[in-house]
């Protein structure tokens, strides 16, 4: 997977607002990396991990602006690689932050 492709991360509004120079979610300490997704994966991830949440923001990240390595890997053994950031996400690497809410049917939309 090309490092030129933006990657996405879901955060709560509160966690993103609390980030200073870099965003360090709890997953980094727990798993050793920040879980991210490709654009075509994000809705599925949101449904599986954040069903019913209405306080999410979608971070669009330029992996070339991160100081931490990005590794595409299939740690779940399900046949699909996901981008994992092995360090904090610098705010300067975040190209866009926008609300990410489920639709009236409760399902999350695919980003444009």
N, C-alpha and C. Protein backbone atom coordinates (compact mmCIF):
# COMPACT_ATOMS: atom_id res chain seq x y z
N UNK A 1 0.85 -1.17 0.00
CA UNK A 1 0.00 0.00 0.00
C UNK A 1 0.89 1.23 0.00
N UNK A 2 0.54 2.18 -0.79
CA UNK A 2 1.35 3.39 -0.93
C UNK A 2 1.26 4.26 0.31
N UNK A 3 2.38 4.87 0.68
CA UNK A 3 2.35 5.80 1.80
C UNK A 3 1.76 7.14 1.39
N UNK A 4 1.50 7.32 0.09
CA UNK A 4 0.89 8.57 -0.39
C UNK A 4 -0.62 8.58 -0.12
N UNK A 5 -1.21 7.42 0.14
CA UNK A 5 -2.63 7.32 0.40
C UNK A 5 -2.93 7.81 1.81
N UNK A 6 -3.83 8.78 1.96
CA UNK A 6 -4.19 9.20 3.32
C UNK A 6 -4.80 8.03 4.09
N UNK A 7 -4.57 8.02 5.38
CA UNK A 7 -5.18 7.02 6.24
C UNK A 7 -6.14 7.73 7.19
N UNK A 8 -7.05 6.98 7.77
CA UNK A 8 -8.09 7.55 8.62
C UNK A 8 -8.04 6.96 10.01
N UNK A 9 -8.46 7.77 10.98
CA UNK A 9 -8.55 7.31 12.36
C UNK A 9 -9.79 7.92 12.98
N UNK A 10 -10.50 7.13 13.78
CA UNK A 10 -11.66 7.62 14.52
C UNK A 10 -11.25 7.95 15.94
N UNK A 11 -11.64 9.14 16.38
CA UNK A 11 -11.36 9.59 17.74
C UNK A 11 -12.64 10.19 18.32
N UNK A 12 -12.72 10.24 19.63
CA UNK A 12 -13.83 10.99 20.21
C UNK A 12 -13.49 12.47 20.14
N UNK A 13 -14.51 13.28 20.10
CA UNK A 13 -14.30 14.73 20.07
C UNK A 13 -13.45 15.17 21.27
N UNK A 14 -13.74 14.61 22.44
CA UNK A 14 -13.02 15.00 23.66
C UNK A 14 -11.54 14.62 23.59
N UNK A 15 -11.25 13.41 23.11
CA UNK A 15 -9.85 12.98 23.02
C UNK A 15 -9.08 13.84 22.03
N UNK A 16 -9.68 14.16 20.89
CA UNK A 16 -9.00 14.99 19.90
C UNK A 16 -8.79 16.40 20.45
N UNK A 17 -9.81 16.95 21.12
CA UNK A 17 -9.70 18.31 21.68
C UNK A 17 -8.60 18.38 22.74
N UNK A 18 -8.35 17.28 23.43
CA UNK A 18 -7.33 17.26 24.48
C UNK A 18 -5.92 17.12 23.94
N UNK A 19 -5.79 16.76 22.67
CA UNK A 19 -4.46 16.57 22.08
C UNK A 19 -3.74 17.90 21.95
N UNK A 20 -2.47 17.91 22.30
CA UNK A 20 -1.67 19.12 22.21
C UNK A 20 -0.91 19.08 20.87
N UNK A 21 0.36 18.86 20.91
CA UNK A 21 1.17 18.79 19.70
C UNK A 21 0.92 17.47 18.97
N UNK A 22 0.63 16.43 19.75
CA UNK A 22 0.39 15.11 19.16
C UNK A 22 -0.80 14.46 19.86
N UNK A 23 -1.47 13.61 19.13
CA UNK A 23 -2.60 12.85 19.63
C UNK A 23 -2.11 11.46 19.98
N UNK A 24 -2.35 11.07 21.23
CA UNK A 24 -1.89 9.78 21.72
C UNK A 24 -3.07 9.03 22.32
N UNK A 25 -3.80 8.26 21.52
CA UNK A 25 -4.96 7.54 22.06
C UNK A 25 -4.53 6.40 22.97
N UNK A 26 -5.47 5.93 23.78
CA UNK A 26 -5.17 4.84 24.72
C UNK A 26 -4.71 3.57 24.01
N UNK A 27 -5.15 3.38 22.78
CA UNK A 27 -4.74 2.19 22.02
C UNK A 27 -3.25 2.11 21.82
N UNK A 28 -2.57 3.25 21.80
CA UNK A 28 -1.12 3.24 21.62
C UNK A 28 -0.44 2.54 22.80
N UNK A 29 -0.87 2.87 24.02
CA UNK A 29 -0.29 2.23 25.20
C UNK A 29 -0.72 0.77 25.31
N UNK A 30 -1.96 0.50 24.96
CA UNK A 30 -2.50 -0.86 25.09
C UNK A 30 -1.96 -1.81 24.04
N UNK A 31 -1.92 -1.36 22.79
CA UNK A 31 -1.56 -2.24 21.67
C UNK A 31 -0.17 -1.98 21.09
N UNK A 32 0.40 -0.82 21.40
CA UNK A 32 1.70 -0.48 20.87
C UNK A 32 1.62 0.27 19.55
N UNK A 33 0.42 0.54 19.07
CA UNK A 33 0.22 1.28 17.83
C UNK A 33 -1.16 1.93 17.85
N UNK A 34 -1.37 2.87 16.93
CA UNK A 34 -2.66 3.53 16.76
C UNK A 34 -3.38 2.84 15.60
N UNK A 35 -4.58 2.37 15.87
CA UNK A 35 -5.39 1.72 14.83
C UNK A 35 -5.87 2.75 13.83
N UNK A 36 -5.62 2.51 12.56
CA UNK A 36 -6.10 3.37 11.49
C UNK A 36 -6.75 2.49 10.42
N UNK A 37 -7.31 3.15 9.43
CA UNK A 37 -7.99 2.44 8.35
C UNK A 37 -7.76 3.14 7.03
N UNK A 38 -7.94 2.40 5.96
CA UNK A 38 -8.02 2.99 4.63
C UNK A 38 -9.44 3.53 4.48
N UNK A 39 -9.66 4.46 3.56
CA UNK A 39 -11.02 5.02 3.41
C UNK A 39 -12.10 3.96 3.20
N UNK A 40 -11.82 2.91 2.44
CA UNK A 40 -12.86 1.90 2.20
C UNK A 40 -13.13 1.02 3.42
N UNK A 41 -12.31 1.10 4.46
CA UNK A 41 -12.46 0.26 5.65
C UNK A 41 -13.17 0.97 6.80
N UNK A 42 -13.22 2.28 6.78
CA UNK A 42 -13.60 3.04 7.98
C UNK A 42 -15.03 2.80 8.43
N UNK A 43 -15.98 2.71 7.52
CA UNK A 43 -17.37 2.50 7.92
C UNK A 43 -17.54 1.15 8.62
N UNK A 44 -16.87 0.13 8.12
CA UNK A 44 -16.94 -1.19 8.73
C UNK A 44 -16.34 -1.17 10.13
N UNK A 45 -15.22 -0.48 10.29
CA UNK A 45 -14.59 -0.36 11.60
C UNK A 45 -15.49 0.40 12.56
N UNK A 46 -16.08 1.48 12.10
CA UNK A 46 -16.98 2.28 12.95
C UNK A 46 -18.16 1.44 13.42
N UNK A 47 -18.73 0.66 12.52
CA UNK A 47 -19.87 -0.19 12.88
C UNK A 47 -19.47 -1.22 13.94
N UNK A 48 -18.29 -1.80 13.78
CA UNK A 48 -17.85 -2.86 14.68
C UNK A 48 -17.41 -2.33 16.05
N UNK A 49 -16.77 -1.17 16.07
CA UNK A 49 -16.17 -0.69 17.33
C UNK A 49 -16.89 0.48 17.98
N UNK A 50 -17.70 1.21 17.21
CA UNK A 50 -18.30 2.44 17.73
C UNK A 50 -19.80 2.54 17.49
N UNK A 51 -20.48 1.44 17.37
CA UNK A 51 -21.93 1.45 17.12
C UNK A 51 -22.64 2.31 18.16
N UNK A 52 -23.51 3.18 17.68
CA UNK A 52 -24.30 4.03 18.57
C UNK A 52 -23.62 5.30 19.03
N UNK A 53 -22.33 5.46 18.75
CA UNK A 53 -21.60 6.66 19.19
C UNK A 53 -21.93 7.83 18.28
N UNK A 54 -22.12 8.99 18.89
CA UNK A 54 -22.40 10.20 18.12
C UNK A 54 -21.40 11.31 18.42
N UNK A 55 -20.30 10.94 19.06
CA UNK A 55 -19.29 11.93 19.46
C UNK A 55 -17.94 11.69 18.77
N UNK A 56 -17.97 11.14 17.56
CA UNK A 56 -16.73 10.80 16.87
C UNK A 56 -16.33 11.86 15.87
N UNK A 57 -15.01 11.97 15.68
CA UNK A 57 -14.46 12.76 14.59
C UNK A 57 -13.59 11.84 13.76
N UNK A 58 -13.55 12.15 12.47
CA UNK A 58 -12.76 11.38 11.52
C UNK A 58 -11.51 12.19 11.18
N UNK A 59 -10.35 11.63 11.50
CA UNK A 59 -9.08 12.28 11.20
C UNK A 59 -8.55 11.74 9.87
N UNK A 60 -8.24 12.63 8.96
CA UNK A 60 -7.58 12.26 7.72
C UNK A 60 -6.11 12.60 7.89
N UNK A 61 -5.26 11.59 7.78
CA UNK A 61 -3.85 11.71 8.13
C UNK A 61 -2.97 11.47 6.90
N UNK A 62 -1.99 12.33 6.72
CA UNK A 62 -0.98 12.13 5.68
C UNK A 62 0.15 11.32 6.30
N UNK A 63 0.30 10.05 5.95
CA UNK A 63 1.33 9.22 6.57
C UNK A 63 2.75 9.73 6.32
N UNK A 64 2.94 10.51 5.26
CA UNK A 64 4.27 11.05 4.97
C UNK A 64 4.68 12.14 5.95
N UNK A 65 3.72 12.69 6.69
CA UNK A 65 4.03 13.75 7.65
C UNK A 65 4.19 13.23 9.08
N UNK A 66 4.02 11.93 9.26
CA UNK A 66 4.20 11.33 10.59
C UNK A 66 5.68 11.02 10.84
N UNK A 67 6.11 11.14 12.08
CA UNK A 67 7.47 10.72 12.42
C UNK A 67 7.49 9.24 12.80
N UNK A 68 6.35 8.71 13.23
CA UNK A 68 6.27 7.29 13.58
C UNK A 68 6.05 6.46 12.33
N UNK A 69 6.54 5.24 12.31
CA UNK A 69 6.32 4.38 11.15
C UNK A 69 4.86 3.93 11.03
N UNK A 70 4.43 3.79 9.79
CA UNK A 70 3.11 3.23 9.47
C UNK A 70 3.36 1.86 8.85
N UNK A 71 2.74 0.85 9.44
CA UNK A 71 2.91 -0.52 8.95
C UNK A 71 1.53 -1.06 8.59
N UNK A 72 1.39 -1.53 7.36
CA UNK A 72 0.15 -2.16 6.91
C UNK A 72 0.27 -3.63 7.25
N UNK A 73 -0.66 -4.11 8.10
CA UNK A 73 -0.57 -5.50 8.52
C UNK A 73 -1.94 -6.07 8.87
N UNK A 74 -2.02 -7.39 8.81
CA UNK A 74 -3.24 -8.13 9.12
C UNK A 74 -3.01 -8.87 10.44
N UNK A 75 -3.14 -8.17 11.54
CA UNK A 75 -2.88 -8.79 12.84
C UNK A 75 -4.02 -9.69 13.29
N UNK A 76 -5.21 -9.48 12.74
CA UNK A 76 -6.36 -10.32 13.11
C UNK A 76 -6.41 -11.60 12.29
N UNK A 77 -5.57 -11.70 11.26
CA UNK A 77 -5.56 -12.89 10.43
C UNK A 77 -6.82 -13.06 9.59
N UNK A 78 -7.42 -11.95 9.21
CA UNK A 78 -8.66 -11.99 8.44
C UNK A 78 -8.46 -11.72 6.95
N UNK A 79 -7.20 -11.61 6.52
CA UNK A 79 -6.94 -11.43 5.10
C UNK A 79 -7.00 -10.00 4.61
N UNK A 80 -7.01 -9.04 5.51
CA UNK A 80 -7.04 -7.64 5.09
C UNK A 80 -6.05 -6.84 5.94
N UNK A 81 -5.18 -6.10 5.26
CA UNK A 81 -4.21 -5.26 5.95
C UNK A 81 -4.84 -3.94 6.37
N UNK A 82 -4.46 -3.47 7.57
CA UNK A 82 -4.87 -2.17 8.09
C UNK A 82 -3.61 -1.38 8.42
N UNK A 83 -3.66 -0.06 8.27
CA UNK A 83 -2.50 0.75 8.65
C UNK A 83 -2.45 0.94 10.16
N UNK A 84 -1.29 0.70 10.73
CA UNK A 84 -1.05 0.91 12.15
C UNK A 84 0.09 1.90 12.30
N UNK A 85 -0.13 2.91 13.11
CA UNK A 85 0.88 3.95 13.35
C UNK A 85 1.57 3.60 14.67
N UNK A 86 2.86 3.35 14.61
CA UNK A 86 3.63 2.93 15.78
C UNK A 86 4.22 4.12 16.52
N UNK A 87 3.34 5.01 16.95
CA UNK A 87 3.72 6.19 17.72
C UNK A 87 2.58 7.20 17.69
N UNK A 88 2.76 8.33 18.36
CA UNK A 88 1.72 9.35 18.38
C UNK A 88 1.48 9.94 16.97
N UNK A 89 0.32 10.52 16.81
CA UNK A 89 -0.04 11.18 15.56
C UNK A 89 0.11 12.69 15.77
N UNK A 90 1.09 13.26 15.10
CA UNK A 90 1.30 14.71 15.23
C UNK A 90 0.13 15.45 14.58
N UNK A 91 -0.29 16.52 15.23
CA UNK A 91 -1.39 17.33 14.70
C UNK A 91 -1.05 17.85 13.30
N UNK A 92 0.21 18.13 13.04
CA UNK A 92 0.63 18.64 11.73
C UNK A 92 0.41 17.62 10.62
N UNK A 93 0.29 16.34 10.96
CA UNK A 93 0.06 15.30 9.95
C UNK A 93 -1.43 15.11 9.65
N UNK A 94 -2.28 15.74 10.45
CA UNK A 94 -3.72 15.60 10.26
C UNK A 94 -4.20 16.66 9.28
N UNK A 95 -4.67 16.21 8.14
CA UNK A 95 -5.08 17.10 7.06
C UNK A 95 -6.49 17.64 7.25
N UNK A 96 -7.34 16.83 7.90
CA UNK A 96 -8.74 17.22 8.07
C UNK A 96 -9.31 16.52 9.29
N UNK A 97 -10.18 17.23 10.00
CA UNK A 97 -10.93 16.67 11.12
C UNK A 97 -12.39 17.04 10.88
N UNK A 98 -13.24 16.03 10.83
CA UNK A 98 -14.66 16.34 10.64
C UNK A 98 -15.51 15.38 11.46
N UNK A 99 -16.70 15.84 11.85
CA UNK A 99 -17.60 14.96 12.60
C UNK A 99 -17.93 13.72 11.78
N UNK A 100 -18.07 12.62 12.47
CA UNK A 100 -18.42 11.36 11.80
C UNK A 100 -19.55 10.72 12.61
N UNK A 101 -20.75 10.85 12.07
CA UNK A 101 -21.95 10.42 12.77
C UNK A 101 -22.67 9.32 11.98
N UNK A 102 -23.36 8.45 12.72
CA UNK A 102 -24.19 7.47 12.00
C UNK A 102 -25.39 8.18 11.38
N UNK A 103 -25.91 7.58 10.31
CA UNK A 103 -27.10 8.11 9.67
C UNK A 103 -28.35 7.75 10.46
N UNK A 104 -29.51 8.16 9.97
CA UNK A 104 -30.78 7.87 10.66
C UNK A 104 -31.01 6.37 10.87
N UNK A 105 -30.42 5.55 10.01
CA UNK A 105 -30.58 4.09 10.14
C UNK A 105 -29.57 3.49 11.12
N UNK A 106 -28.72 4.34 11.71
CA UNK A 106 -27.73 3.86 12.68
C UNK A 106 -26.43 3.41 12.08
N UNK A 107 -26.33 3.39 10.77
CA UNK A 107 -25.11 2.96 10.09
C UNK A 107 -24.22 4.15 9.76
N UNK A 108 -22.92 3.93 9.83
CA UNK A 108 -21.97 4.97 9.49
C UNK A 108 -21.77 5.04 7.97
N UNK A 109 -21.64 6.25 7.44
CA UNK A 109 -21.46 6.38 5.99
C UNK A 109 -20.01 6.13 5.58
N UNK A 110 -19.82 5.80 4.33
CA UNK A 110 -18.47 5.74 3.77
C UNK A 110 -18.04 7.19 3.50
N UNK A 111 -16.83 7.55 3.86
CA UNK A 111 -16.39 8.92 3.59
C UNK A 111 -16.26 9.18 2.10
N UNK A 112 -16.43 10.44 1.73
CA UNK A 112 -16.33 10.81 0.32
C UNK A 112 -14.89 10.88 -0.11
